[in-house]
Amino acid sequence: MPNITVELLRGRTLEQRRAFAKAVADSAVELLGARRQDVRMVFTEITPDTVANGGVLASEDDSRAGVVAALSDET
């Protein structure tokens, strides 16, 4: 039984999470031979101030400003 944990910046839509879950489950069935009903996924939403890349908080990283702003606009 594959147990898959997915961490995403807050702001993804239900439709995006649904499509992602289906694609990952499809891959687990195809590549791992798992039964679809046994593919378990947990989505954890994180905020830009609770994750750092290269030692810099995403909320303070100018190179990620566009991504952070886009996700903020969607909520």
PDB file of N, CA and C in Angstrom:
ATOM      1  N   MET A   1       0.842  -1.171   0.000  1.00  0.00           N
ATOM      2  CA  MET A   1       0.000   0.000   0.000  1.00  0.00           C
ATOM      3  C   MET A   1       0.890   1.237   0.000  1.00  0.00           C
ATOM      4  N   PRO A   2       0.939   1.973  -1.104  1.00  0.00           N
ATOM      5  CA  PRO A   2       1.717   3.206  -1.120  1.00  0.00           C
ATOM      6  C   PRO A   2       1.053   4.279  -0.254  1.00  0.00           C
ATOM      7  N   ASN A   3       1.836   4.886   0.626  1.00  0.00           N
ATOM      8  CA  ASN A   3       1.402   6.043   1.415  1.00  0.00           C
ATOM      9  C   ASN A   3       2.221   7.223   0.937  1.00  0.00           C
ATOM     10  N   ILE A   4       1.573   8.208   0.360  1.00  0.00           N
ATOM     11  CA  ILE A   4       2.263   9.314  -0.285  1.00  0.00           C
ATOM     12  C   ILE A   4       1.903  10.608   0.435  1.00  0.00           C
ATOM     13  N   THR A   5       2.916  11.348   0.857  1.00  0.00           N
ATOM     14  CA  THR A   5       2.719  12.637   1.505  1.00  0.00           C
ATOM     15  C   THR A   5       3.120  13.731   0.528  1.00  0.00           C
ATOM     16  N   VAL A   6       2.234  14.695   0.342  1.00  0.00           N
ATOM     17  CA  VAL A   6       2.471  15.780  -0.601  1.00  0.00           C
ATOM     18  C   VAL A   6       2.409  17.097   0.171  1.00  0.00           C
ATOM     19  N   GLU A   7       3.470  17.875   0.092  1.00  0.00           N
ATOM     20  CA  GLU A   7       3.482  19.200   0.704  1.00  0.00           C
ATOM     21  C   GLU A   7       3.391  20.235  -0.399  1.00  0.00           C
ATOM     22  N   LEU A   8       2.415  21.126  -0.274  1.00  0.00           N
ATOM     23  CA  LEU A   8       2.192  22.169  -1.274  1.00  0.00           C
ATOM     24  C   LEU A   8       2.045  23.510  -0.589  1.00  0.00           C
ATOM     25  N   LEU A   9       2.502  24.561  -1.265  1.00  0.00           N
ATOM     26  CA  LEU A   9       2.208  25.889  -0.759  1.00  0.00           C
ATOM     27  C   LEU A   9       0.696  26.092  -0.793  1.00  0.00           C
ATOM     28  N   ARG A  10       0.170  26.675   0.268  1.00  0.00           N
ATOM     29  CA  ARG A  10      -1.268  26.934   0.345  1.00  0.00           C
ATOM     30  C   ARG A  10      -1.702  27.755  -0.859  1.00  0.00           C
ATOM     31  N   GLY A  11      -2.895  27.472  -1.360  1.00  0.00           N
ATOM     32  CA  GLY A  11      -3.434  28.223  -2.479  1.00  0.00           C
ATOM     33  C   GLY A  11      -3.799  27.366  -3.675  1.00  0.00           C
ATOM     34  N   ARG A  12      -3.410  26.103  -3.671  1.00  0.00           N
ATOM     35  CA  ARG A  12      -3.805  25.224  -4.778  1.00  0.00           C
ATOM     36  C   ARG A  12      -5.312  24.971  -4.677  1.00  0.00           C
ATOM     37  N   THR A  13      -5.949  24.899  -5.812  1.00  0.00           N
ATOM     38  CA  THR A  13      -7.395  24.700  -5.814  1.00  0.00           C
ATOM     39  C   THR A  13      -7.745  23.232  -5.594  1.00  0.00           C
ATOM     40  N   LEU A  14      -8.993  22.997  -5.259  1.00  0.00           N
ATOM     41  CA  LEU A  14      -9.485  21.632  -5.113  1.00  0.00           C
ATOM     42  C   LEU A  14      -9.312  20.875  -6.423  1.00  0.00           C
ATOM     43  N   GLU A  15      -9.581  21.541  -7.538  1.00  0.00           N
ATOM     44  CA  GLU A  15      -9.436  20.891  -8.845  1.00  0.00           C
ATOM     45  C   GLU A  15      -7.983  20.494  -9.100  1.00  0.00           C
ATOM     46  N   GLN A  16      -7.034  21.345  -8.718  1.00  0.00           N
ATOM     47  CA  GLN A  16      -5.616  21.021  -8.896  1.00  0.00           C
ATOM     48  C   GLN A  16      -5.220  19.826  -8.039  1.00  0.00           C
ATOM     49  N   ARG A  17      -5.656  19.815  -6.785  1.00  0.00           N
ATOM     50  CA  ARG A  17      -5.321  18.686  -5.904  1.00  0.00           C
ATOM     51  C   ARG A  17      -5.976  17.404  -6.408  1.00  0.00           C
ATOM     52  N   ARG A  18      -7.212  17.505  -6.877  1.00  0.00           N
ATOM     53  CA  ARG A  18      -7.923  16.334  -7.401  1.00  0.00           C
ATOM     54  C   ARG A  18      -7.184  15.757  -8.615  1.00  0.00           C
ATOM     55  N   ALA A  19      -6.788  16.620  -9.545  1.00  0.00           N
ATOM     56  CA  ALA A  19      -6.083  16.164 -10.751  1.00  0.00           C
ATOM     57  C   ALA A  19      -4.726  15.561 -10.394  1.00  0.00           C
ATOM     58  N   PHE A  20      -4.028  16.179  -9.455  1.00  0.00           N
ATOM     59  CA  PHE A  20      -2.729  15.660  -9.019  1.00  0.00           C
ATOM     60  C   PHE A  20      -2.896  14.284  -8.381  1.00  0.00           C
ATOM     61  N   ALA A  21      -3.890  14.150  -7.501  1.00  0.00           N
ATOM     62  CA  ALA A  21      -4.137  12.875  -6.827  1.00  0.00           C
ATOM     63  C   ALA A  21      -4.433  11.776  -7.840  1.00  0.00           C
ATOM     64  N   LYS A  22      -5.220  12.084  -8.845  1.00  0.00           N
ATOM     65  CA  LYS A  22      -5.543  11.088  -9.867  1.00  0.00           C
ATOM     66  C   LYS A  22      -4.290  10.687 -10.643  1.00  0.00           C
ATOM     67  N   ALA A  23      -3.482  11.672 -11.035  1.00  0.00           N
ATOM     68  CA  ALA A  23      -2.268  11.375 -11.808  1.00  0.00           C
ATOM     69  C   ALA A  23      -1.292  10.519 -11.000  1.00  0.00           C
ATOM     70  N   VAL A  24      -1.134  10.841  -9.722  1.00  0.00           N
ATOM     71  CA  VAL A  24      -0.213  10.066  -8.879  1.00  0.00           C
ATOM     72  C   VAL A  24      -0.757   8.654  -8.663  1.00  0.00           C
ATOM     73  N   ALA A  25      -2.058   8.541  -8.401  1.00  0.00           N
ATOM     74  CA  ALA A  25      -2.655   7.217  -8.220  1.00  0.00           C
ATOM     75  C   ALA A  25      -2.529   6.392  -9.500  1.00  0.00           C
ATOM     76  N   ASP A  26      -2.771   7.013 -10.648  1.00  0.00           N
ATOM     77  CA  ASP A  26      -2.610   6.306 -11.927  1.00  0.00           C
ATOM     78  C   ASP A  26      -1.184   5.769 -12.063  1.00  0.00           C
ATOM     79  N   SER A  27      -0.205   6.597 -11.711  1.00  0.00           N
ATOM     80  CA  SER A  27       1.196   6.179 -11.808  1.00  0.00           C
ATOM     81  C   SER A  27       1.520   5.055 -10.832  1.00  0.00           C
ATOM     82  N   ALA A  28       0.994   5.135  -9.621  1.00  0.00           N
ATOM     83  CA  ALA A  28       1.245   4.079  -8.630  1.00  0.00           C
ATOM     84  C   ALA A  28       0.659   2.751  -9.089  1.00  0.00           C
ATOM     85  N   VAL A  29      -0.510   2.801  -9.690  1.00  0.00           N
ATOM     86  CA  VAL A  29      -1.130   1.580 -10.210  1.00  0.00           C
ATOM     87  C   VAL A  29      -0.281   1.010 -11.339  1.00  0.00           C
ATOM     88  N   GLU A  30       0.115   1.879 -12.269  1.00  0.00           N
ATOM     89  CA  GLU A  30       0.879   1.427 -13.439  1.00  0.00           C
ATOM     90  C   GLU A  30       2.291   0.971 -13.079  1.00  0.00           C
ATOM     91  N   LEU A  31       2.998   1.786 -12.315  1.00  0.00           N
ATOM     92  CA  LEU A  31       4.411   1.522 -12.077  1.00  0.00           C
ATOM     93  C   LEU A  31       4.691   0.600 -10.898  1.00  0.00           C
ATOM     94  N   LEU A  32       3.834   0.637  -9.885  1.00  0.00           N
ATOM     95  CA  LEU A  32       4.063  -0.168  -8.687  1.00  0.00           C
ATOM     96  C   LEU A  32       3.168  -1.393  -8.602  1.00  0.00           C
ATOM     97  N   GLY A  33       2.184  -1.458  -9.482  1.00  0.00           N
ATOM     98  CA  GLY A  33       1.248  -2.572  -9.425  1.00  0.00           C
ATOM     99  C   GLY A  33       0.307  -2.495  -8.229  1.00  0.00           C
ATOM    100  N   ALA A  34       0.152  -1.289  -7.683  1.00  0.00           N
ATOM    101  CA  ALA A  34      -0.719  -1.111  -6.519  1.00  0.00           C
ATOM    102  C   ALA A  34      -2.185  -1.154  -6.942  1.00  0.00           C
ATOM    103  N   ARG A  35      -3.018  -1.585  -6.017  1.00  0.00           N
ATOM    104  CA  ARG A  35      -4.451  -1.477  -6.260  1.00  0.00           C
ATOM    105  C   ARG A  35      -4.837  -0.015  -6.019  1.00  0.00           C
ATOM    106  N   ARG A  36      -5.653   0.542  -6.914  1.00  0.00           N
ATOM    107  CA  ARG A  36      -6.032   1.956  -6.820  1.00  0.00           C
ATOM    108  C   ARG A  36      -6.555   2.308  -5.429  1.00  0.00           C
ATOM    109  N   GLN A  37      -7.402   1.461  -4.869  1.00  0.00           N
ATOM    110  CA  GLN A  37      -8.011   1.758  -3.574  1.00  0.00           C
ATOM    111  C   GLN A  37      -6.998   1.741  -2.427  1.00  0.00           C
ATOM    112  N   ASP A  38      -5.801   1.233  -2.683  1.00  0.00           N
ATOM    113  CA  ASP A  38      -4.766   1.188  -1.656  1.00  0.00           C
ATOM    114  C   ASP A  38      -3.769   2.339  -1.735  1.00  0.00           C
ATOM    115  N   VAL A  39      -3.907   3.184  -2.732  1.00  0.00           N
ATOM    116  CA  VAL A  39      -3.000   4.323  -2.877  1.00  0.00           C
ATOM    117  C   VAL A  39      -3.529   5.454  -1.992  1.00  0.00           C
ATOM    118  N   ARG A  40      -2.779   5.746  -0.939  1.00  0.00           N
ATOM    119  CA  ARG A  40      -3.211   6.750   0.034  1.00  0.00           C
ATOM    120  C   ARG A  40      -2.332   7.982  -0.097  1.00  0.00           C
ATOM    121  N   MET A  41      -2.974   9.153  -0.167  1.00  0.00           N
ATOM    122  CA  MET A  41      -2.262  10.419  -0.271  1.00  0.00           C
ATOM    123  C   MET A  41      -2.743  11.368   0.810  1.00  0.00           C
ATOM    124  N   VAL A  42      -1.799  12.085   1.402  1.00  0.00           N
ATOM    125  CA  VAL A  42      -2.124  13.117   2.369  1.00  0.00           C
ATOM    126  C   VAL A  42      -1.518  14.423   1.864  1.00  0.00           C
ATOM    127  N   PHE A  43      -2.363  15.434   1.733  1.00  0.00           N
ATOM    128  CA  PHE A  43      -1.893  16.757   1.327  1.00  0.00           C
ATOM    129  C   PHE A  43      -1.688  17.605   2.577  1.00  0.00           C
ATOM    130  N   THR A  44      -0.518  18.205   2.677  1.00  0.00           N
ATOM    131  CA  THR A  44      -0.232  19.139   3.751  1.00  0.00           C
ATOM    132  C   THR A  44       0.033  20.492   3.109  1.00  0.00           C
ATOM    133  N   GLU A  45      -0.754  21.474   3.505  1.00  0.00           N
ATOM    134  CA  GLU A  45      -0.548  22.814   2.965  1.00  0.00           C
ATOM    135  C   GLU A  45       0.415  23.574   3.867  1.00  0.00           C
ATOM    136  N   ILE A  46       1.403  24.181   3.234  1.00  0.00           N
ATOM    137  CA  ILE A  46       2.377  24.971   3.968  1.00  0.00           C
ATOM    138  C   ILE A  46       2.255  26.417   3.500  1.00  0.00           C
ATOM    139  N   THR A  47       2.755  27.326   4.301  1.00  0.00           N
ATOM    140  CA  THR A  47       2.721  28.739   3.948  1.00  0.00           C
ATOM    141  C   THR A  47       4.135  29.196   3.612  1.00  0.00           C
ATOM    142  N   PRO A  48       4.259  30.269   2.843  1.00  0.00           N
ATOM    143  CA  PRO A  48       5.586  30.736   2.444  1.00  0.00           C
ATOM    144  C   PRO A  48       6.498  31.094   3.618  1.00  0.00           C
ATOM    145  N   ASP A  49       5.926  31.333   4.784  1.00  0.00           N
ATOM    146  CA  ASP A  49       6.778  31.664   5.925  1.00  0.00           C
ATOM    147  C   ASP A  49       7.131  30.442   6.768  1.00  0.00           C
ATOM    148  N   THR A  50       6.700  29.244   6.328  1.00  0.00           N
ATOM    149  CA  THR A  50       7.047  28.022   7.063  1.00  0.00           C
ATOM    150  C   THR A  50       7.922  27.080   6.251  1.00  0.00           C
ATOM    151  N   VAL A  51       8.437  27.555   5.116  1.00  0.00           N
ATOM    152  CA  VAL A  51       9.330  26.742   4.297  1.00  0.00           C
ATOM    153  C   VAL A  51      10.471  27.628   3.782  1.00  0.00           C
ATOM    154  N   ALA A  52      11.662  27.060   3.758  1.00  0.00           N
ATOM    155  CA  ALA A  52      12.824  27.801   3.271  1.00  0.00           C
ATOM    156  C   ALA A  52      13.502  27.001   2.166  1.00  0.00           C
ATOM    157  N   ASN A  53      14.021  27.707   1.208  1.00  0.00           N
ATOM    158  CA  ASN A  53      14.786  27.116   0.117  1.00  0.00           C
ATOM    159  C   ASN A  53      16.165  27.762   0.140  1.00  0.00           C
ATOM    160  N   GLY A  54      17.193  26.940   0.257  1.00  0.00           N
ATOM    161  CA  GLY A  54      18.546  27.474   0.300  1.00  0.00           C
ATOM    162  C   GLY A  54      18.781  28.387   1.502  1.00  0.00           C
ATOM    163  N   GLY A  55      18.043  28.151   2.583  1.00  0.00           N
ATOM    164  CA  GLY A  55      18.225  28.946   3.795  1.00  0.00           C
ATOM    165  C   GLY A  55      17.448  30.245   3.816  1.00  0.00           C
ATOM    166  N   VAL A  56      16.606  30.464   2.798  1.00  0.00           N
ATOM    167  CA  VAL A  56      15.822  31.696   2.724  1.00  0.00           C
ATOM    168  C   VAL A  56      14.343  31.328   2.739  1.00  0.00           C
ATOM    169  N   LEU A  57      13.582  31.968   3.635  1.00  0.00           N
ATOM    170  CA  LEU A  57      12.141  31.716   3.668  1.00  0.00           C
ATOM    171  C   LEU A  57      11.531  32.040   2.308  1.00  0.00           C
ATOM    172  N   ALA A  58      10.604  31.212   1.867  1.00  0.00           N
ATOM    173  CA  ALA A  58       9.961  31.443   0.574  1.00  0.00           C
ATOM    174  C   ALA A  58       9.283  32.807   0.541  1.00  0.00           C
ATOM    175  N   SER A  59       8.769  33.243   1.683  1.00  0.00           N
ATOM    176  CA  SER A  59       8.105  34.544   1.748  1.00  0.00           C
ATOM    177  C   SER A  59       9.075  35.706   1.579  1.00  0.00           C
ATOM    178  N   GLU A  60      10.374  35.451   1.733  1.00  0.00           N
ATOM    179  CA  GLU A  60      11.383  36.500   1.624  1.00  0.00           C
ATOM    180  C   GLU A  60      12.327  36.301   0.440  1.00  0.00           C
ATOM    181  N   ASP A  61      12.043  35.315  -0.396  1.00  0.00           N
ATOM    182  CA  ASP A  61      12.901  34.966  -1.527  1.00  0.00           C
ATOM    183  C   ASP A  61      12.380  35.654  -2.781  1.00  0.00           C
ATOM    184  N   ASP A  62      13.098  36.659  -3.239  1.00  0.00           N
ATOM    185  CA  ASP A  62      12.664  37.414  -4.416  1.00  0.00           C
ATOM    186  C   ASP A  62      12.471  36.528  -5.642  1.00  0.00           C
ATOM    187  N   SER A  63      13.255  35.458  -5.762  1.00  0.00           N
ATOM    188  CA  SER A  63      13.140  34.592  -6.937  1.00  0.00           C
ATOM    189  C   SER A  63      11.841  33.782  -6.914  1.00  0.00           C
ATOM    190  N   ARG A  64      11.162  33.696  -5.760  1.00  0.00           N
ATOM    191  CA  ARG A  64       9.915  32.945  -5.640  1.00  0.00           C
ATOM    192  C   ARG A  64       8.711  33.872  -5.498  1.00  0.00           C
ATOM    193  N   ALA A  65       8.942  35.172  -5.563  1.00  0.00           N
ATOM    194  CA  ALA A  65       7.883  36.146  -5.316  1.00  0.00           C
ATOM    195  C   ALA A  65       6.691  35.957  -6.255  1.00  0.00           C
ATOM    196  N   GLY A  66       6.953  35.666  -7.513  1.00  0.00           N
ATOM    197  CA  GLY A  66       5.867  35.471  -8.476  1.00  0.00           C
ATOM    198  C   GLY A  66       4.992  34.278  -8.137  1.00  0.00           C
ATOM    199  N   VAL A  67       5.622  33.179  -7.730  1.00  0.00           N
ATOM    200  CA  VAL A  67       4.874  31.968  -7.361  1.00  0.00           C
ATOM    201  C   VAL A  67       4.039  32.234  -6.125  1.00  0.00           C
ATOM    202  N   VAL A  68       4.640  32.846  -5.126  1.00  0.00           N
ATOM    203  CA  VAL A  68       3.942  33.136  -3.871  1.00  0.00           C
ATOM    204  C   VAL A  68       2.780  34.082  -4.131  1.00  0.00           C
ATOM    205  N   ALA A  69       2.997  35.107  -4.937  1.00  0.00           N
ATOM    206  CA  ALA A  69       1.936  36.072  -5.235  1.00  0.00           C
ATOM    207  C   ALA A  69       0.796  35.409  -6.005  1.00  0.00           C
ATOM    208  N   ALA A  70       1.119  34.564  -6.969  1.00  0.00           N
ATOM    209  CA  ALA A  70       0.086  33.883  -7.754  1.00  0.00           C
ATOM    210  C   ALA A  70      -0.788  33.007  -6.881  1.00  0.00           C
ATOM    211  N   LEU A  71      -0.181  32.296  -5.941  1.00  0.00           N
ATOM    212  CA  LEU A  71      -0.960  31.441  -5.056  1.00  0.00           C
ATOM    213  C   LEU A  71      -1.809  32.287  -4.111  1.00  0.00           C
ATOM    214  N   SER A  72      -1.292  33.417  -3.680  1.00  0.00           N
ATOM    215  CA  SER A  72      -2.058  34.301  -2.798  1.00  0.00           C
ATOM    216  C   SER A  72      -3.256  34.882  -3.532  1.00  0.00           C
ATOM    217  N   ASP A  73      -3.108  35.169  -4.821  1.00  0.00           N
ATOM    218  CA  ASP A  73      -4.200  35.736  -5.619  1.00  0.00           C
ATOM    219  C   ASP A  73      -5.337  34.742  -5.819  1.00  0.00           C
ATOM    220  N   GLU A  74      -5.023  33.443  -5.790  1.00  0.00           N
ATOM    221  CA  GLU A  74      -6.025  32.407  -6.051  1.00  0.00           C
ATOM    222  C   GLU A  74      -6.900  32.137  -4.850  1.00  0.00           C
ATOM    223  N   THR A  75      -6.502  32.552  -3.667  1.00  0.00           N
ATOM    224  CA  THR A  75      -7.287  32.241  -2.465  1.00  0.00           C
ATOM    225  C   THR A  75      -8.265  33.320  -2.156  1.00  0.00           C
TER     226      THR A  75
END
